[in-house]
C-alpha cells in the first residue's frame, strides 16, 4: 500500500510514492522532479527501484509534465495505476482559517483553496494546478489536501493577532498563520520519544532551517507561537527572504526610491536575506566565502545567527521550561556551525552542546547536547512527504 505525494510549484512538480508505514529514515519507493515547466527546455528526473531515468524535453504545462512522468513510471512497472496507491496527498501552502485539518478533495475544496490565493499568490495557484492535473490523470484514487498552515491555526490569540485595526484585519483576514507546519508537527512529534519524555509533558523549540526558515514553540504537542506570519516572509533571516524588518522600510522604498509594490515584493522575497547580504543563498557557498575571509559573507552569517538567537531567547521565555531544542531541514540538519553558534554561551540556561556529537556527520535523529545538559539539543531530519503520505492515507481510509 502506497501514497503518492505531490508538491506542485509554479514551474516544477516534486512527487514521491511512499509507504506511509515506512520508517522516517527510509527512502521513498519512487521520487521524481519535473522542472522548468513552460520554459523553452525542461527536464524530468525519476528515481525508482530499477534505477534513474532523465528525460530532457520542453514541458508546456503541468499536465504535460506529470503525464510524462507517469508514462516513464509505467514503462518501469511502477506507475501510479500499477501500484496499490490508496491516496494522493497534495501539499497546499495556505489553508487560511478555512482548513485546519487535511481534506478529501472535491470541487468545493478546490474552489475554497482558489479563494485563498490572495493570501498566498506565489504558492496556492501552483498548488491548485497540481491538484487539478492529478485529479484528471488519476480520477479513481482519493485525493487529499494537506495544509502547511494547519498545525498553527489554533495559536493563542496573543500570538496570532497583529496590533492593527481590528476591523481592517478581520475584513482582509490578516493574522499570523505560520508555515512549514507539516514539518514542525512531524519533528515535534518525534522528539519526546527520542528524549524519553511523555509527549503530553514536553516543551520544545523546533528550528526548521532551510532556504526558507521558521521556528516554533510547542507545548505538549500544540504550538503556542511561530515565526512566520501572514506570509512566509516574516521571522528568521532566510536564503533570499528578509525575515522581520521595520514595516516603515516599505514606505521609505516607495516614497524615496520610487519602487513599486511588485519591485519591493521581489526585493524582500527573492533578493534579500543571506543572498541580499552576501550574493549567495546556499550555506555551503556561504561557508566557503567565510573561510576566504569575505566580509559580506561574514556579515550575512552574523545577521542570520543574531536573528535566530533572538527567536530562541523569546521562545525560551514563552515556554518557561524548555525540554528540547531541535534543528531540522537542510541547514539545520547539516551545518554544525549554525547549530553551535545559535546556542553558544547558553550554559547558564542549561544548554550545552557536545562538540564531537555536533560535528558528527548527519546520520538520522540524534542528541547533540552533553549528557549533563538540562535542555536536550537534537538534530531530527524532517520528512514532510512521509507526514503528508500518512495523513492522506488515514483520511482516505476513513472516506
Protein backbone atom coordinates (compact mmCIF):
# COMPACT_ATOMS: atom_id res chain seq x y z
CA UNK A 1 0.00 0.00 0.00
CA UNK A 2 1.42 3.38 -1.03
CA UNK A 3 0.56 7.07 -1.09
CA UNK A 4 1.52 9.40 -3.93
CA UNK A 5 2.65 12.78 -2.60
CA UNK A 6 2.63 15.79 -4.95
CA UNK A 7 4.19 19.20 -4.29
CA UNK A 8 3.33 21.46 -7.21
CA UNK A 9 5.23 24.71 -7.70
CA UNK A 10 4.86 27.46 -10.27
CA UNK A 11 7.37 25.88 -12.68
CA UNK A 12 8.06 22.48 -11.13
CA UNK A 13 6.42 19.43 -9.62
CA UNK A 14 8.05 17.25 -6.99
CA UNK A 15 6.50 13.88 -6.26
CA UNK A 16 7.12 10.72 -4.27
CA UNK A 17 5.48 7.34 -3.93
CA UNK A 18 5.80 6.49 -0.25
CA UNK A 19 4.86 3.63 2.04
CA UNK A 20 3.03 5.53 4.80
CA UNK A 21 4.05 2.85 7.30
CA UNK A 22 7.76 3.14 6.46
CA UNK A 23 10.40 4.29 8.90
CA UNK A 24 11.04 8.04 8.81
CA UNK A 25 14.58 7.46 7.56
CA UNK A 26 13.57 5.13 4.73
CA UNK A 27 13.98 6.28 1.14
CA UNK A 28 10.79 6.76 -0.88
CA UNK A 29 9.84 3.90 -3.19
CA UNK A 30 9.78 6.34 -6.11
CA UNK A 31 10.71 10.02 -6.33
CA UNK A 32 10.66 12.48 -9.17
CA UNK A 33 11.07 16.07 -10.24
CA UNK A 34 9.55 17.89 -13.22
CA UNK A 35 11.49 21.10 -13.88
CA UNK A 36 11.22 24.26 -15.99
CA UNK A 37 7.55 23.89 -16.87
CA UNK A 38 6.54 26.42 -19.50
CA UNK A 39 10.10 27.26 -20.50
CA UNK A 40 11.99 26.58 -23.73
CA UNK A 41 13.58 23.45 -22.29
CA UNK A 42 12.71 21.24 -19.35
CA UNK A 43 13.67 18.03 -17.60
CA UNK A 44 12.00 15.13 -15.83
CA UNK A 45 14.03 13.07 -13.38
CA UNK A 46 12.60 9.89 -11.88
CA UNK A 47 14.25 7.56 -9.34
CA UNK A 48 12.72 4.11 -8.94
CA UNK A 49 13.76 0.67 -7.67
CA UNK A 50 15.32 -0.17 -11.03
CA UNK A 51 17.44 2.96 -11.31
CA UNK A 52 17.13 6.52 -12.54
CA UNK A 53 15.57 8.00 -15.68
CA UNK A 54 16.18 11.50 -17.02
CA UNK A 55 14.23 12.95 -19.94
CA UNK A 56 15.04 16.40 -21.31
CA UNK A 57 12.28 17.98 -23.36
CA UNK A 58 10.03 21.00 -23.48
CA UNK A 59 7.25 20.78 -20.90
CA UNK A 60 4.47 23.22 -21.86
CA UNK A 61 2.14 22.64 -18.88
CA UNK A 62 1.91 20.92 -15.51
CA UNK A 63 -0.36 18.31 -17.10
CA UNK A 64 2.24 17.53 -19.76
CA UNK A 65 4.96 17.17 -17.15
CA UNK A 66 3.04 14.94 -14.76
CA UNK A 67 1.66 12.79 -17.59
CA UNK A 68 5.16 12.27 -18.97
CA UNK A 69 6.49 11.37 -15.52
CA UNK A 70 3.69 8.81 -15.08
CA UNK A 71 4.47 7.39 -18.54
CA UNK A 72 8.10 6.86 -17.52
CA UNK A 73 6.98 5.12 -14.33
CA UNK A 74 4.53 2.94 -16.29
CA UNK A 75 7.40 1.75 -18.50
CA UNK A 76 9.25 0.64 -15.36
CA UNK A 77 6.19 -1.10 -13.93
CA UNK A 78 5.85 1.31 -11.01
CA UNK A 79 3.24 3.75 -12.33
CA UNK A 80 0.52 5.13 -10.04
CA UNK A 81 -2.12 2.90 -11.65
CA UNK A 82 0.13 -0.17 -11.45
CA UNK A 83 0.83 0.04 -7.73
CA UNK A 84 -1.58 -0.22 -4.82
CA UNK A 85 -1.88 3.53 -4.25
CA UNK A 86 -4.68 4.31 -1.81
CA UNK A 87 -4.34 8.11 -1.69
CA UNK A 88 -2.78 11.09 -3.43
CA UNK A 89 -1.60 13.68 -0.91
CA UNK A 90 -1.17 17.27 -2.10
CA UNK A 91 0.86 19.88 -0.25
CA UNK A 92 -1.11 23.11 -0.11
CA UNK A 93 0.70 26.08 1.35
CA UNK A 94 -2.17 28.22 2.65
CA UNK A 95 -5.37 26.96 4.22
CA UNK A 96 -6.32 30.28 5.81
CA UNK A 97 -8.87 29.95 8.60
CA UNK A 98 -10.87 27.54 6.45
CA UNK A 99 -8.73 24.42 6.72
CA UNK A 100 -7.10 23.21 9.93
CA UNK A 101 -7.06 19.51 9.04
CA UNK A 102 -6.40 17.53 5.85
CA UNK A 103 -9.38 17.44 3.50
CA UNK A 104 -10.63 14.97 0.90
CA UNK A 105 -10.50 16.99 -2.30
CA UNK A 106 -13.79 17.62 -4.05
CA UNK A 107 -14.68 20.51 -6.35
CA UNK A 108 -15.83 22.68 -3.44
CA UNK A 109 -12.47 22.24 -1.67
CA UNK A 110 -10.59 23.25 -4.82
CA UNK A 111 -12.69 26.41 -5.05
CA UNK A 112 -12.00 27.26 -1.40
CA UNK A 113 -8.25 26.85 -2.00
CA UNK A 114 -8.59 29.06 -5.06
CA UNK A 115 -10.37 31.71 -2.96
CA UNK A 116 -7.35 31.76 -0.62
CA UNK A 117 -4.96 32.73 -3.44
CA UNK A 118 -4.77 36.39 -2.27
CA UNK A 119 -3.16 35.10 0.96
CA UNK A 120 -0.54 33.07 -0.96
CA UNK A 121 -0.34 34.40 -4.53
CA UNK A 122 3.04 32.73 -5.14
CA UNK A 123 2.02 29.28 -3.93
CA UNK A 124 -1.68 28.44 -3.95
CA UNK A 125 -2.16 28.90 -7.74
CA UNK A 126 0.50 26.27 -8.42
CA UNK A 127 -0.99 24.01 -5.74
CA UNK A 128 -4.37 24.24 -7.49
CA UNK A 129 -2.75 23.44 -10.85
CA UNK A 130 -1.18 20.29 -9.40
CA UNK A 131 -4.45 19.19 -7.83
CA UNK A 132 -6.47 19.64 -11.00
CA UNK A 133 -3.92 17.85 -13.17
CA UNK A 134 -3.53 14.91 -10.78
CA UNK A 135 -7.28 14.52 -10.32
CA UNK A 136 -7.69 14.39 -14.11
CA UNK A 137 -4.91 11.82 -14.54
CA UNK A 138 -5.88 9.71 -11.51
CA UNK A 139 -9.66 10.11 -11.14
CA UNK A 140 -10.26 6.82 -9.30
CA UNK A 141 -7.91 7.45 -6.34
CA UNK A 142 -8.90 9.69 -3.39
CA UNK A 143 -7.01 12.99 -3.36
CA UNK A 144 -6.24 14.72 -0.06
CA UNK A 145 -5.09 18.30 0.60
CA UNK A 146 -2.62 18.76 3.47
CA UNK A 147 -2.10 22.37 4.53
CA UNK A 148 1.16 23.98 5.66
CA UNK A 149 -0.78 26.35 7.89
CA UNK A 150 -2.95 23.70 9.53
CA UNK A 151 -0.69 22.99 12.52
CA UNK A 152 -0.72 26.64 13.55
CA UNK A 153 -4.38 27.50 13.07
CA UNK A 154 -5.19 27.38 16.77
CA UNK A 155 -2.35 29.57 18.01
CA UNK A 156 -3.23 31.52 21.18
CA UNK A 157 -4.83 34.85 20.18
CA UNK A 158 -1.96 36.84 21.71
CA UNK A 159 0.42 35.12 19.27
CA UNK A 160 -1.90 35.13 16.26
CA UNK A 161 -3.30 38.66 16.33
CA UNK A 162 -1.44 41.64 14.86
CA UNK A 163 -1.76 45.02 16.57
CA UNK A 164 -3.50 46.74 13.68
CA UNK A 165 -7.06 48.00 13.34
CA UNK A 166 -9.23 45.01 14.20
CA UNK A 167 -11.90 45.78 11.59
CA UNK A 168 -9.30 46.01 8.80
CA UNK A 169 -7.60 42.79 9.98
CA UNK A 170 -10.91 40.92 10.09
CA UNK A 171 -12.05 42.16 6.70
CA UNK A 172 -8.82 41.16 4.98
CA UNK A 173 -8.12 38.00 7.02
CA UNK A 174 -4.88 39.38 8.44
CA UNK A 175 -3.37 37.30 11.25
CA UNK A 176 -0.36 35.09 11.92
CA UNK A 177 -0.92 31.85 10.03
CA UNK A 178 2.54 30.25 10.20
CA UNK A 179 4.07 27.90 7.62
CA UNK A 180 6.19 24.73 7.45
CA UNK A 181 3.51 23.34 9.73
CA UNK A 182 3.78 19.79 8.40
CA UNK A 183 7.50 19.79 9.22
CA UNK A 184 7.07 21.35 12.66
CA UNK A 185 4.33 18.88 13.54
CA UNK A 186 6.31 15.89 12.28
CA UNK A 187 9.56 16.82 14.03
CA UNK A 188 7.95 17.86 17.31
CA UNK A 189 6.11 14.54 17.44
CA UNK A 190 9.42 12.64 17.14
CA UNK A 191 11.28 14.50 19.89
CA UNK A 192 9.55 13.15 23.05
CA UNK A 193 10.29 9.56 22.05
CA UNK A 194 13.96 10.35 21.38
CA UNK A 195 14.49 12.07 24.75
CA UNK A 196 12.22 9.61 26.59
CA UNK A 197 9.63 12.11 27.77
CA UNK A 198 5.86 11.95 27.89
CA UNK A 199 4.59 13.85 24.78
CA UNK A 200 1.87 15.36 26.98
CA UNK A 201 4.54 16.97 29.18
CA UNK A 202 7.16 18.18 26.70
CA UNK A 203 8.06 21.80 25.98
CA UNK A 204 10.22 22.36 22.94
CA UNK A 205 11.57 24.70 20.31
CA UNK A 206 11.76 23.47 16.70
CA UNK A 207 14.10 25.26 14.27
CA UNK A 208 13.29 24.48 10.62
CA UNK A 209 16.31 25.96 8.86
CA UNK A 210 16.43 25.61 5.10
CA UNK A 211 16.36 28.14 2.28
CA UNK A 212 13.07 29.06 3.90
CA UNK A 213 13.36 29.12 7.68
CA UNK A 214 10.95 29.20 10.60
CA UNK A 215 10.79 28.27 14.25
CA UNK A 216 8.05 27.28 16.63
CA UNK A 217 7.42 26.93 20.35
CA UNK A 218 5.44 23.76 21.10
CA UNK A 219 3.82 22.79 24.41
CA UNK A 220 2.61 19.23 24.82
CA UNK A 221 2.23 18.79 21.07
CA UNK A 222 0.45 22.11 20.45
CA UNK A 223 2.17 25.21 19.03
CA UNK A 224 1.95 28.42 21.07
CA UNK A 225 3.97 30.61 18.68
CA UNK A 226 5.76 30.55 15.34
CA UNK A 227 7.96 32.96 13.43
CA UNK A 228 6.28 33.17 10.00
CA UNK A 229 3.18 35.29 9.81
CA UNK A 230 0.51 36.26 7.28
CA UNK A 231 3.05 35.17 4.66
CA UNK A 232 6.28 33.13 4.71
CA UNK A 233 8.28 36.38 4.55
CA UNK A 234 8.21 37.08 8.29
CA UNK A 235 10.51 35.83 11.03
CA UNK A 236 14.02 34.47 10.60
CA UNK A 237 16.55 35.65 8.03
CA UNK A 238 16.30 33.18 5.13
CA UNK A 239 18.12 32.30 1.95
CA UNK A 240 16.51 35.03 -0.16
CA UNK A 241 13.85 36.47 2.20
CA UNK A 242 14.48 39.30 4.62
CA UNK A 243 12.59 37.95 7.60
CA UNK A 244 11.40 40.54 10.11
CA UNK A 245 12.03 44.16 9.15
CA UNK A 246 10.68 47.55 10.17
CA UNK A 247 7.45 47.88 8.09
CA UNK A 248 8.39 51.51 7.54
CA UNK A 249 11.14 50.33 5.19
CA UNK A 250 8.43 49.51 2.64
CA UNK A 251 7.01 53.06 2.78
CA UNK A 252 10.52 54.51 2.61
CA UNK A 253 11.40 52.49 -0.51
CA UNK A 254 8.14 53.52 -2.15
CA UNK A 255 8.44 57.22 -1.36
CA UNK A 256 12.17 57.79 -1.54
CA UNK A 257 13.34 55.16 -4.05
CA UNK A 258 10.20 55.23 -6.21
CA UNK A 259 9.89 51.44 -6.08
CA UNK A 260 6.59 49.80 -6.96
CA UNK A 261 4.86 47.26 -4.73
CA UNK A 262 5.93 44.46 -7.10
CA UNK A 263 9.55 45.65 -7.01
CA UNK A 264 9.54 45.77 -3.21
CA UNK A 265 7.90 42.33 -3.10
CA UNK A 266 10.65 40.95 -5.34
CA UNK A 267 13.34 42.66 -3.26
CA UNK A 268 12.17 41.28 0.07
CA UNK A 269 11.23 37.77 -1.12
CA UNK A 270 13.90 37.00 -3.71
CA UNK A 271 16.81 39.43 -3.37
CA UNK A 272 17.22 39.77 0.39
CA UNK A 273 18.22 37.53 3.29
CA UNK A 274 21.59 35.82 3.06
CA UNK A 275 21.67 36.31 -0.71
CA UNK A 276 21.00 40.02 -0.43
CA UNK A 277 23.87 40.49 2.02
CA UNK A 278 26.44 38.10 0.55
CA UNK A 279 25.45 37.29 -3.05
CA UNK A 280 24.78 33.60 -2.33
CA UNK A 281 21.98 31.77 -0.56
CA UNK A 282 23.49 28.27 -0.36
CA UNK A 283 25.13 27.85 3.06
CA UNK A 284 27.87 25.67 1.61
CA UNK A 285 28.87 28.55 -0.65
CA UNK A 286 28.49 30.99 2.23
CA UNK A 287 30.84 28.89 4.38
CA UNK A 288 33.43 28.82 1.61
CA UNK A 289 33.27 32.62 1.32
CA UNK A 290 33.66 32.98 5.08
CA UNK A 291 36.73 30.74 5.02
CA UNK A 292 38.12 33.04 2.31
CA UNK A 293 37.56 35.96 4.75
CA UNK A 294 34.83 37.53 2.66
CA UNK A 295 33.42 40.29 4.89
CA UNK A 296 30.00 40.38 3.21
CA UNK A 297 29.56 36.66 3.84
CA UNK A 298 30.67 37.07 7.46
CA UNK A 299 28.16 39.90 7.95
CA UNK A 300 25.34 37.83 6.40
CA UNK A 301 26.15 34.93 8.71
CA UNK A 302 26.22 37.11 11.81
CA UNK A 303 22.90 38.75 10.95
CA UNK A 304 21.40 35.29 10.36
CA UNK A 305 22.64 33.95 13.71
CA UNK A 306 21.64 37.09 15.60
CA UNK A 307 18.03 36.83 14.43
CA UNK A 308 17.95 33.12 15.16
CA UNK A 309 19.15 33.69 18.73
CA UNK A 310 16.52 36.41 19.21
CA UNK A 311 13.76 33.94 18.46
CA UNK A 312 15.29 31.16 20.55
CA UNK A 313 15.52 33.53 23.51
CA UNK A 314 11.97 34.80 23.16
CA UNK A 315 10.59 31.28 22.87
CA UNK A 316 12.52 30.16 25.95
CA UNK A 317 10.70 32.87 27.90
CA UNK A 318 7.35 31.96 26.31
CA UNK A 319 7.81 28.30 27.23
CA UNK A 320 9.09 28.89 30.76
CA UNK A 321 10.68 25.43 30.85
CA UNK A 322 12.43 24.07 27.77
CA UNK A 323 12.97 20.32 27.46
CA UNK A 324 14.38 20.25 23.93
CA UNK A 325 15.66 22.43 21.11
CA UNK A 326 15.65 20.68 17.74
CA UNK A 327 17.32 21.55 14.44
CA UNK A 328 15.85 20.28 11.18
CA UNK A 329 15.76 20.88 7.38
CA UNK A 330 18.77 21.38 5.09
CA UNK A 331 20.80 23.90 7.08
CA UNK A 332 19.63 22.71 10.48
CA UNK A 333 20.49 19.10 9.75
CA UNK A 334 23.82 19.66 8.01
CA UNK A 335 25.52 22.84 9.25
CA UNK A 336 27.31 22.20 12.54
CA UNK A 337 28.48 25.83 12.76
CA UNK A 338 24.94 27.22 12.68
CA UNK A 339 23.92 24.83 15.45
CA UNK A 340 26.99 25.70 17.53
CA UNK A 341 26.69 29.45 17.13
CA UNK A 342 22.93 29.58 17.60
CA UNK A 343 23.32 28.09 21.09
CA UNK A 344 26.73 29.46 22.03
CA UNK A 345 27.34 30.57 25.62
CA UNK A 346 23.95 29.46 26.94
CA UNK A 347 25.25 27.12 29.65
CA UNK A 348 23.64 29.34 32.30
CA UNK A 349 20.28 28.30 30.81
CA UNK A 350 21.11 24.61 30.92
CA UNK A 351 22.07 24.32 27.24
CA UNK A 352 25.35 22.56 26.47
CA UNK A 353 26.25 21.25 23.03
CA UNK A 354 28.78 18.41 22.82
CA UNK A 355 31.31 19.49 20.14
CA UNK A 356 32.04 15.96 18.94
CA UNK A 357 28.38 14.96 18.71
CA UNK A 358 27.58 18.20 16.91
CA UNK A 359 30.39 17.70 14.39
CA UNK A 360 29.43 14.10 13.60
CA UNK A 361 28.07 13.50 10.08
CA UNK A 362 24.32 13.71 9.58
CA UNK A 363 23.07 10.24 10.42
CA UNK A 364 19.42 10.37 11.34
CA UNK A 365 17.82 11.59 14.56
CA UNK A 366 20.33 12.18 17.34
CA UNK A 367 21.05 14.11 20.51
CA UNK A 368 23.98 16.53 20.19
CA UNK A 369 23.93 18.02 23.69
CA UNK A 370 26.14 16.82 26.54
CA UNK A 371 24.88 14.22 28.98
CA UNK A 372 24.70 16.94 31.64
CA UNK A 373 22.71 19.42 29.54
CA UNK A 374 19.36 20.10 31.19
CA UNK A 375 17.93 21.10 27.81
CA UNK A 376 18.37 18.38 25.22
CA UNK A 377 19.59 19.60 21.84
CA UNK A 378 18.72 17.39 18.88
CA UNK A 379 19.02 17.03 15.13
CA UNK A 380 15.92 15.38 13.67
CA UNK A 381 15.62 15.09 9.88
CA UNK A 382 12.26 16.31 8.67
CA UNK A 383 10.18 14.19 6.33
CA UNK A 384 7.25 16.27 5.13
CA UNK A 385 6.47 13.82 2.33
CA UNK A 386 6.06 10.93 4.76
CA UNK A 387 3.90 13.10 7.01
CA UNK A 388 1.68 14.05 4.07
CA UNK A 389 1.53 10.40 2.95
CA UNK A 390 0.42 9.31 6.41
CA UNK A 391 -2.23 11.99 6.72
CA UNK A 392 -3.57 11.27 3.23
CA UNK A 393 -3.67 7.52 3.81
CA UNK A 394 -5.51 7.87 7.12
CA UNK A 395 -8.14 10.20 5.71
CA UNK A 396 -8.63 8.17 2.53
CA UNK A 397 -9.18 5.03 4.59
CA UNK A 398 -11.97 6.75 6.54
CA UNK A 399 -13.62 8.15 3.39
